[in-house]
PDB file of N, CA and C in Angstrom:
ATOM      1  N   MET A   1       0.840  -1.182   0.004  1.00  0.00           N
ATOM      2  CA  MET A   1      -0.010  -0.001  -0.003  1.00  0.00           C
ATOM      3  C   MET A   1       0.882   1.234   0.005  1.00  0.00           C
ATOM      4  N   GLU A   2       0.563   2.171  -0.838  1.00  0.00           N
ATOM      5  CA  GLU A   2       1.380   3.371  -0.951  1.00  0.00           C
ATOM      6  C   GLU A   2       1.098   4.301   0.234  1.00  0.00           C
ATOM      7  N   ALA A   3       2.107   5.074   0.601  1.00  0.00           N
ATOM      8  CA  ALA A   3       1.945   6.059   1.661  1.00  0.00           C
ATOM      9  C   ALA A   3       1.086   7.192   1.147  1.00  0.00           C
ATOM     10  N   GLU A   4       0.217   7.692   2.000  1.00  0.00           N
ATOM     11  CA  GLU A   4      -0.658   8.795   1.608  1.00  0.00           C
ATOM     12  C   GLU A   4       0.161  10.099   1.612  1.00  0.00           C
ATOM     13  N   HIS A   5       0.037  10.865   0.571  1.00  0.00           N
ATOM     14  CA  HIS A   5       0.748  12.132   0.490  1.00  0.00           C
ATOM     15  C   HIS A   5      -0.113  13.235   1.067  1.00  0.00           C
ATOM     16  N   PRO A   6       0.473  14.114   1.844  1.00  0.00           N
ATOM     17  CA  PRO A   6      -0.320  15.221   2.396  1.00  0.00           C
ATOM     18  C   PRO A   6      -0.811  16.122   1.252  1.00  0.00           C
ATOM     19  N   LEU A   7      -1.971  16.723   1.486  1.00  0.00           N
ATOM     20  CA  LEU A   7      -2.559  17.585   0.442  1.00  0.00           C
ATOM     21  C   LEU A   7      -1.654  18.761   0.097  1.00  0.00           C
ATOM     22  N   GLU A   8      -0.858  19.230   1.061  1.00  0.00           N
ATOM     23  CA  GLU A   8       0.036  20.356   0.775  1.00  0.00           C
ATOM     24  C   GLU A   8       1.064  19.960  -0.281  1.00  0.00           C
ATOM     25  N   THR A   9       1.599  18.746  -0.217  1.00  0.00           N
ATOM     26  CA  THR A   9       2.576  18.272  -1.207  1.00  0.00           C
ATOM     27  C   THR A   9       1.932  18.169  -2.554  1.00  0.00           C
ATOM     28  N   ILE A  10       0.737  17.640  -2.602  1.00  0.00           N
ATOM     29  CA  ILE A  10       0.006  17.519  -3.862  1.00  0.00           C
ATOM     30  C   ILE A  10      -0.261  18.914  -4.416  1.00  0.00           C
ATOM     31  N   GLY A  11      -0.621  19.831  -3.515  1.00  0.00           N
ATOM     32  CA  GLY A  11      -0.877  21.204  -3.926  1.00  0.00           C
ATOM     33  C   GLY A  11       0.316  21.863  -4.562  1.00  0.00           C
ATOM     34  N   GLN A  12       1.499  21.584  -4.027  1.00  0.00           N
ATOM     35  CA  GLN A  12       2.719  22.154  -4.601  1.00  0.00           C
ATOM     36  C   GLN A  12       2.970  21.569  -5.992  1.00  0.00           C
ATOM     37  N   ASP A  13       2.669  20.286  -6.165  1.00  0.00           N
ATOM     38  CA  ASP A  13       2.839  19.671  -7.476  1.00  0.00           C
ATOM     39  C   ASP A  13       1.877  20.264  -8.484  1.00  0.00           C
ATOM     40  N   ILE A  14       0.681  20.491  -8.063  1.00  0.00           N
ATOM     41  CA  ILE A  14      -0.341  21.031  -8.963  1.00  0.00           C
ATOM     42  C   ILE A  14      -0.178  22.548  -9.117  1.00  0.00           C
ATOM     43  N   GLY A  15       0.512  23.166  -8.161  1.00  0.00           N
ATOM     44  CA  GLY A  15       0.660  24.617  -8.121  1.00  0.00           C
ATOM     45  C   GLY A  15       1.298  25.218  -9.350  1.00  0.00           C
ATOM     46  N   HIS A  16       2.028  24.419 -10.128  1.00  0.00           N
ATOM     47  CA  HIS A  16       2.668  24.942 -11.313  1.00  0.00           C
ATOM     48  C   HIS A  16       1.686  25.066 -12.466  1.00  0.00           C
ATOM     49  N   GLN A  17       0.530  24.498 -12.331  1.00  0.00           N
ATOM     50  CA  GLN A  17      -0.489  24.621 -13.358  1.00  0.00           C
ATOM     51  C   GLN A  17      -1.125  26.008 -13.245  1.00  0.00           C
ATOM     52  N   GLU A  18      -1.820  26.398 -14.281  1.00  0.00           N
ATOM     53  CA  GLU A  18      -2.468  27.686 -14.302  1.00  0.00           C
ATOM     54  C   GLU A  18      -3.447  27.798 -13.145  1.00  0.00           C
ATOM     55  N   ARG A  19      -3.408  28.917 -12.436  1.00  0.00           N
ATOM     56  CA  ARG A  19      -4.315  29.134 -11.300  1.00  0.00           C
ATOM     57  C   ARG A  19      -5.574  29.826 -11.801  1.00  0.00           C
ATOM     58  N   ARG A  20      -6.637  29.037 -11.875  1.00  0.00           N
ATOM     59  CA  ARG A  20      -7.925  29.603 -12.214  1.00  0.00           C
ATOM     60  C   ARG A  20      -8.994  28.797 -11.502  1.00  0.00           C
ATOM     61  N   ARG A  21     -10.105  29.395 -11.316  1.00  0.00           N
ATOM     62  CA  ARG A  21     -11.178  28.709 -10.595  1.00  0.00           C
ATOM     63  C   ARG A  21     -11.763  27.614 -11.493  1.00  0.00           C
ATOM     64  N   PRO A  22     -11.722  26.390 -11.053  1.00  0.00           N
ATOM     65  CA  PRO A  22     -12.255  25.310 -11.864  1.00  0.00           C
ATOM     66  C   PRO A  22     -13.775  25.323 -11.883  1.00  0.00           C
ATOM     67  N   PHE A  23     -14.337  24.732 -12.904  1.00  0.00           N
ATOM     68  CA  PHE A  23     -15.769  24.566 -12.954  1.00  0.00           C
ATOM     69  C   PHE A  23     -16.164  23.544 -11.907  1.00  0.00           C
ATOM     70  N   PHE A  24     -17.333  23.737 -11.320  1.00  0.00           N
ATOM     71  CA  PHE A  24     -17.883  22.792 -10.391  1.00  0.00           C
ATOM     72  C   PHE A  24     -18.392  21.617 -11.201  1.00  0.00           C
ATOM     73  N   ASN A  25     -17.758  20.450 -11.068  1.00  0.00           N
ATOM     74  CA  ASN A  25     -18.083  19.321 -11.931  1.00  0.00           C
ATOM     75  C   ASN A  25     -18.708  18.162 -11.149  1.00  0.00           C
ATOM     76  N   GLN A  26     -18.984  17.080 -11.826  1.00  0.00           N
ATOM     77  CA  GLN A  26     -19.641  15.925 -11.212  1.00  0.00           C
ATOM     78  C   GLN A  26     -18.797  15.294 -10.106  1.00  0.00           C
ATOM     79  N   HIS A  27     -17.479  15.286 -10.247  1.00  0.00           N
ATOM     80  CA  HIS A  27     -16.632  14.739  -9.216  1.00  0.00           C
ATOM     81  C   HIS A  27     -16.734  15.534  -7.929  1.00  0.00           C
ATOM     82  N   HIS A  28     -16.771  16.862  -8.070  1.00  0.00           N
ATOM     83  CA  HIS A  28     -16.931  17.741  -6.918  1.00  0.00           C
ATOM     84  C   HIS A  28     -18.299  17.479  -6.269  1.00  0.00           C
ATOM     85  N   ARG A  29     -19.315  17.418  -7.090  1.00  0.00           N
ATOM     86  CA  ARG A  29     -20.687  17.210  -6.606  1.00  0.00           C
ATOM     87  C   ARG A  29     -20.795  15.889  -5.840  1.00  0.00           C
ATOM     88  N   GLN A  30     -20.209  14.819  -6.376  1.00  0.00           N
ATOM     89  CA  GLN A  30     -20.296  13.518  -5.729  1.00  0.00           C
ATOM     90  C   GLN A  30     -19.650  13.534  -4.338  1.00  0.00           C
ATOM     91  N   MET A  31     -18.504  14.168  -4.215  1.00  0.00           N
ATOM     92  CA  MET A  31     -17.829  14.197  -2.929  1.00  0.00           C
ATOM     93  C   MET A  31     -18.618  15.058  -1.934  1.00  0.00           C
ATOM     94  N   LEU A  32     -19.097  16.210  -2.391  1.00  0.00           N
ATOM     95  CA  LEU A  32     -19.811  17.081  -1.482  1.00  0.00           C
ATOM     96  C   LEU A  32     -21.183  16.520  -1.086  1.00  0.00           C
ATOM     97  N   ASP A  33     -21.796  15.714  -1.978  1.00  0.00           N
ATOM     98  CA  ASP A  33     -23.072  15.079  -1.652  1.00  0.00           C
ATOM     99  C   ASP A  33     -22.913  14.177  -0.435  1.00  0.00           C
ATOM    100  N   LEU A  34     -21.758  13.574  -0.286  1.00  0.00           N
ATOM    101  CA  LEU A  34     -21.532  12.699   0.885  1.00  0.00           C
ATOM    102  C   LEU A  34     -21.441  13.508   2.187  1.00  0.00           C
ATOM    103  N   LEU A  35     -21.159  14.796   2.071  1.00  0.00           N
ATOM    104  CA  LEU A  35     -21.026  15.649   3.233  1.00  0.00           C
ATOM    105  C   LEU A  35     -22.282  16.484   3.504  1.00  0.00           C
ATOM    106  N   ARG A  36     -23.237  16.440   2.629  1.00  0.00           N
ATOM    107  CA  ARG A  36     -24.402  17.331   2.675  1.00  0.00           C
ATOM    108  C   ARG A  36     -25.166  17.261   3.983  1.00  0.00           C
ATOM    109  N   ASP A  37     -25.508  16.092   4.461  1.00  0.00           N
ATOM    110  CA  ASP A  37     -26.380  15.951   5.618  1.00  0.00           C
ATOM    111  C   ASP A  37     -25.613  15.554   6.886  1.00  0.00           C
ATOM    112  N   ARG A  38     -24.323  15.697   6.863  1.00  0.00           N
ATOM    113  CA  ARG A  38     -23.527  15.206   8.000  1.00  0.00           C
ATOM    114  C   ARG A  38     -22.665  16.327   8.552  1.00  0.00           C
ATOM    115  N   ASP A  39     -22.202  16.080   9.744  1.00  0.00           N
ATOM    116  CA  ASP A  39     -21.261  16.997  10.353  1.00  0.00           C
ATOM    117  C   ASP A  39     -19.852  16.611   9.837  1.00  0.00           C
ATOM    118  N   TRP A  40     -18.883  16.462  10.668  1.00  0.00           N
ATOM    119  CA  TRP A  40     -17.564  16.096  10.235  1.00  0.00           C
ATOM    120  C   TRP A  40     -17.546  14.635   9.822  1.00  0.00           C
ATOM    121  N   VAL A  41     -16.917  14.331   8.673  1.00  0.00           N
ATOM    122  CA  VAL A  41     -16.852  12.979   8.143  1.00  0.00           C
ATOM    123  C   VAL A  41     -15.382  12.560   8.001  1.00  0.00           C
ATOM    124  N   SER A  42     -15.091  11.364   8.464  1.00  0.00           N
ATOM    125  CA  SER A  42     -13.733  10.845   8.410  1.00  0.00           C
ATOM    126  C   SER A  42     -13.275  10.709   6.950  1.00  0.00           C
ATOM    127  N   SER A  43     -12.009  10.952   6.732  1.00  0.00           N
ATOM    128  CA  SER A  43     -11.457  10.834   5.378  1.00  0.00           C
ATOM    129  C   SER A  43     -11.520   9.386   4.874  1.00  0.00           C
ATOM    130  N   LEU A  44     -11.603   8.458   5.797  1.00  0.00           N
ATOM    131  CA  LEU A  44     -11.699   7.048   5.420  1.00  0.00           C
ATOM    132  C   LEU A  44     -13.024   6.715   4.731  1.00  0.00           C
ATOM    133  N   LYS A  45     -14.049   7.521   4.964  1.00  0.00           N
ATOM    134  CA  LYS A  45     -15.360   7.310   4.362  1.00  0.00           C
ATOM    135  C   LYS A  45     -15.522   7.989   2.996  1.00  0.00           C
ATOM    136  N   LEU A  46     -14.500   8.773   2.612  1.00  0.00           N
ATOM    137  CA  LEU A  46     -14.557   9.473   1.335  1.00  0.00           C
ATOM    138  C   LEU A  46     -13.625   8.768   0.344  1.00  0.00           C
ATOM    139  N   ALA A  47     -13.920   8.937  -0.934  1.00  0.00           N
ATOM    140  CA  ALA A  47     -13.084   8.368  -1.976  1.00  0.00           C
ATOM    141  C   ALA A  47     -11.696   9.003  -1.905  1.00  0.00           C
ATOM    142  N   ASP A  48     -10.677   8.255  -2.283  1.00  0.00           N
ATOM    143  CA  ASP A  48      -9.299   8.756  -2.247  1.00  0.00           C
ATOM    144  C   ASP A  48      -8.974   9.465  -3.544  1.00  0.00           C
ATOM    145  N   HIS A  49      -9.422  10.712  -3.632  1.00  0.00           N
ATOM    146  CA  HIS A  49      -9.139  11.563  -4.809  1.00  0.00           C
ATOM    147  C   HIS A  49      -8.516  12.840  -4.295  1.00  0.00           C
ATOM    148  N   PRO A  50      -7.207  12.854  -4.048  1.00  0.00           N
ATOM    149  CA  PRO A  50      -6.559  14.012  -3.444  1.00  0.00           C
ATOM    150  C   PRO A  50      -6.686  15.286  -4.268  1.00  0.00           C
ATOM    151  N   GLY A  51      -6.684  15.168  -5.588  1.00  0.00           N
ATOM    152  CA  GLY A  51      -6.822  16.356  -6.426  1.00  0.00           C
ATOM    153  C   GLY A  51      -8.180  16.985  -6.271  1.00  0.00           C
ATOM    154  N   THR A  52      -9.214  16.187  -6.192  1.00  0.00           N
ATOM    155  CA  THR A  52     -10.572  16.705  -6.007  1.00  0.00           C
ATOM    156  C   THR A  52     -10.706  17.339  -4.619  1.00  0.00           C
ATOM    157  N   LYS A  53     -10.158  16.690  -3.601  1.00  0.00           N
ATOM    158  CA  LYS A  53     -10.185  17.261  -2.257  1.00  0.00           C
ATOM    159  C   LYS A  53      -9.462  18.592  -2.230  1.00  0.00           C
ATOM    160  N   LEU A  54      -8.353  18.697  -2.891  1.00  0.00           N
ATOM    161  CA  LEU A  54      -7.563  19.920  -2.913  1.00  0.00           C
ATOM    162  C   LEU A  54      -8.373  21.047  -3.533  1.00  0.00           C
ATOM    163  N   VAL A  55      -9.040  20.798  -4.659  1.00  0.00           N
ATOM    164  CA  VAL A  55      -9.843  21.815  -5.324  1.00  0.00           C
ATOM    165  C   VAL A  55     -10.979  22.247  -4.422  1.00  0.00           C
ATOM    166  N   LEU A  56     -11.644  21.305  -3.771  1.00  0.00           N
ATOM    167  CA  LEU A  56     -12.750  21.633  -2.876  1.00  0.00           C
ATOM    168  C   LEU A  56     -12.286  22.484  -1.696  1.00  0.00           C
ATOM    169  N   LEU A  57     -11.126  22.165  -1.159  1.00  0.00           N
ATOM    170  CA  LEU A  57     -10.575  22.935  -0.051  1.00  0.00           C
ATOM    171  C   LEU A  57     -10.134  24.330  -0.511  1.00  0.00           C
ATOM    172  N   ARG A  58      -9.454  24.377  -1.649  1.00  0.00           N
ATOM    173  CA  ARG A  58      -8.935  25.657  -2.171  1.00  0.00           C
ATOM    174  C   ARG A  58     -10.058  26.635  -2.474  1.00  0.00           C
ATOM    175  N   ASN A  59     -11.187  26.117  -2.960  1.00  0.00           N
ATOM    176  CA  ASN A  59     -12.308  26.993  -3.285  1.00  0.00           C
ATOM    177  C   ASN A  59     -13.244  27.238  -2.116  1.00  0.00           C
ATOM    178  N   GLY A  60     -12.914  26.678  -0.971  1.00  0.00           N
ATOM    179  CA  GLY A  60     -13.716  26.916   0.220  1.00  0.00           C
ATOM    180  C   GLY A  60     -15.035  26.162   0.221  1.00  0.00           C
ATOM    181  N   TRP A  61     -15.139  25.126  -0.570  1.00  0.00           N
ATOM    182  CA  TRP A  61     -16.379  24.352  -0.665  1.00  0.00           C
ATOM    183  C   TRP A  61     -16.480  23.317   0.418  1.00  0.00           C
ATOM    184  N   MET A  62     -15.340  22.937   1.027  1.00  0.00           N
ATOM    185  CA  MET A  62     -15.322  22.074   2.196  1.00  0.00           C
ATOM    186  C   MET A  62     -14.146  22.485   3.060  1.00  0.00           C
ATOM    187  N   GLU A  63     -14.159  22.067   4.322  1.00  0.00           N
ATOM    188  CA  GLU A  63     -13.065  22.361   5.217  1.00  0.00           C
ATOM    189  C   GLU A  63     -12.549  21.082   5.832  1.00  0.00           C
ATOM    190  N   ARG A  64     -11.372  21.175   6.393  1.00  0.00           N
ATOM    191  CA  ARG A  64     -10.675  20.001   6.913  1.00  0.00           C
ATOM    192  C   ARG A  64     -10.165  20.283   8.321  1.00  0.00           C
ATOM    193  N   ARG A  65     -10.193  19.240   9.152  1.00  0.00           N
ATOM    194  CA  ARG A  65      -9.571  19.337  10.460  1.00  0.00           C
ATOM    195  C   ARG A  65      -8.853  18.017  10.781  1.00  0.00           C
ATOM    196  N   SER A  66      -7.851  18.143  11.615  1.00  0.00           N
ATOM    197  CA  SER A  66      -7.095  16.963  12.004  1.00  0.00           C
ATOM    198  C   SER A  66      -7.479  16.581  13.435  1.00  0.00           C
ATOM    199  N   THR A  67      -7.780  15.311  13.620  1.00  0.00           N
ATOM    200  CA  THR A  67      -8.090  14.795  14.959  1.00  0.00           C
ATOM    201  C   THR A  67      -7.100  13.692  15.293  1.00  0.00           C
ATOM    202  N   GLY A  68      -7.191  13.182  16.465  1.00  0.00           N
ATOM    203  CA  GLY A  68      -6.313  12.089  16.875  1.00  0.00           C
ATOM    204  C   GLY A  68      -6.531  10.823  16.063  1.00  0.00           C
ATOM    205  N   GLU A  69      -7.682  10.743  15.415  1.00  0.00           N
ATOM    206  CA  GLU A  69      -8.022   9.570  14.618  1.00  0.00           C
ATOM    207  C   GLU A  69      -7.756   9.772  13.132  1.00  0.00           C
ATOM    208  N   GLY A  70      -7.368  10.954  12.736  1.00  0.00           N
ATOM    209  CA  GLY A  70      -7.089  11.242  11.314  1.00  0.00           C
ATOM    210  C   GLY A  70      -7.737  12.526  10.868  1.00  0.00           C
ATOM    211  N   LEU A  71      -7.899  12.668   9.554  1.00  0.00           N
ATOM    212  CA  LEU A  71      -8.499  13.858   8.985  1.00  0.00           C
ATOM    213  C   LEU A  71     -10.000  13.713   8.857  1.00  0.00           C
ATOM    214  N   GLU A  72     -10.700  14.847   9.013  1.00  0.00           N
ATOM    215  CA  GLU A  72     -12.133  14.884   8.833  1.00  0.00           C
ATOM    216  C   GLU A  72     -12.482  16.078   7.952  1.00  0.00           C
ATOM    217  N   TYR A  73     -13.571  15.921   7.198  1.00  0.00           N
ATOM    218  CA  TYR A  73     -14.006  16.958   6.272  1.00  0.00           C
ATOM    219  C   TYR A  73     -15.439  17.341   6.539  1.00  0.00           C
ATOM    220  N   ARG A  74     -15.797  18.592   6.180  1.00  0.00           N
ATOM    221  CA  ARG A  74     -17.157  19.066   6.378  1.00  0.00           C
ATOM    222  C   ARG A  74     -17.500  20.059   5.272  1.00  0.00           C
ATOM    223  N   LEU A  75     -18.738  20.049   4.874  1.00  0.00           N
ATOM    224  CA  LEU A  75     -19.265  20.967   3.856  1.00  0.00           C
ATOM    225  C   LEU A  75     -19.353  22.354   4.436  1.00  0.00           C
ATOM    226  N   THR A  76     -18.989  23.373   3.655  1.00  0.00           N
ATOM    227  CA  THR A  76     -19.107  24.757   4.073  1.00  0.00           C
ATOM    228  C   THR A  76     -20.359  25.390   3.422  1.00  0.00           C
ATOM    229  N   GLU A  77     -20.674  26.588   3.829  1.00  0.00           N
ATOM    230  CA  GLU A  77     -21.803  27.312   3.222  1.00  0.00           C
ATOM    231  C   GLU A  77     -21.558  27.541   1.717  1.00  0.00           C
ATOM    232  N   ALA A  78     -20.318  27.826   1.371  1.00  0.00           N
ATOM    233  CA  ALA A  78     -19.997  28.022  -0.071  1.00  0.00           C
ATOM    234  C   ALA A  78     -20.213  26.727  -0.840  1.00  0.00           C
ATOM    235  N   GLY A  79     -19.861  25.598  -0.237  1.00  0.00           N
ATOM    236  CA  GLY A  79     -20.069  24.305  -0.885  1.00  0.00           C
ATOM    237  C   GLY A  79     -21.546  23.993  -1.040  1.00  0.00           C
ATOM    238  N   LEU A  80     -22.331  24.322  -0.013  1.00  0.00           N
ATOM    239  CA  LEU A  80     -23.787  24.111  -0.094  1.00  0.00           C
ATOM    240  C   LEU A  80     -24.395  24.973  -1.197  1.00  0.00           C
ATOM    241  N   THR A  81     -23.887  26.196  -1.340  1.00  0.00           N
ATOM    242  CA  THR A  81     -24.347  27.091  -2.407  1.00  0.00           C
ATOM    243  C   THR A  81     -24.073  26.474  -3.764  1.00  0.00           C
ATOM    244  N   GLU A  82     -22.858  25.941  -3.970  1.00  0.00           N
ATOM    245  CA  GLU A  82     -22.517  25.299  -5.237  1.00  0.00           C
ATOM    246  C   GLU A  82     -23.407  24.098  -5.500  1.00  0.00           C
ATOM    247  N   LEU A  83     -23.675  23.297  -4.463  1.00  0.00           N
ATOM    248  CA  LEU A  83     -24.546  22.114  -4.651  1.00  0.00           C
ATOM    249  C   LEU A  83     -25.964  22.535  -5.015  1.00  0.00           C
ATOM    250  N   SER A  84     -26.393  23.668  -4.562  1.00  0.00           N
ATOM    251  CA  SER A  84     -27.768  24.131  -4.769  1.00  0.00           C
ATOM    252  C   SER A  84     -27.978  24.718  -6.162  1.00  0.00           C
ATOM    253  N   ARG A  85     -26.916  25.067  -6.843  1.00  0.00           N
ATOM    254  CA  ARG A  85     -27.047  25.656  -8.185  1.00  0.00           C
ATOM    255  C   ARG A  85     -27.552  24.603  -9.170  1.00  0.00           C
ATOM    256  N   PRO A  86     -28.327  25.046 -10.165  1.00  0.00           N
ATOM    257  CA  PRO A  86     -28.802  24.094 -11.195  1.00  0.00           C
ATOM    258  C   PRO A  86     -27.598  23.548 -11.976  1.00  0.00           C
ATOM    259  N   ARG A  87     -27.774  22.335 -12.434  1.00  0.00           N
ATOM    260  CA  ARG A  87     -26.710  21.689 -13.213  1.00  0.00           C
ATOM    261  C   ARG A  87     -26.605  22.245 -14.588  1.00  0.00           C
TER     262      ARG A  87
END
């Protein structure tokens, strides 16, 4: 099993790409849908898509906290707004 890379490292790798606000796509919607009706959710319950998580965090659509048991994520008001927009 490969070691999990911290999102900051992945962010530095992606950081050389053009910085622009990505479109809210189906991958973003699927991950945020899992957070819609819940409080903090363990990273173990979410799909392992670090690039998608990074985009969601960077745009303020979800937030992250570290606990003794690992990382947890939660939907923000901005993320709820994006989910509420028509497709």
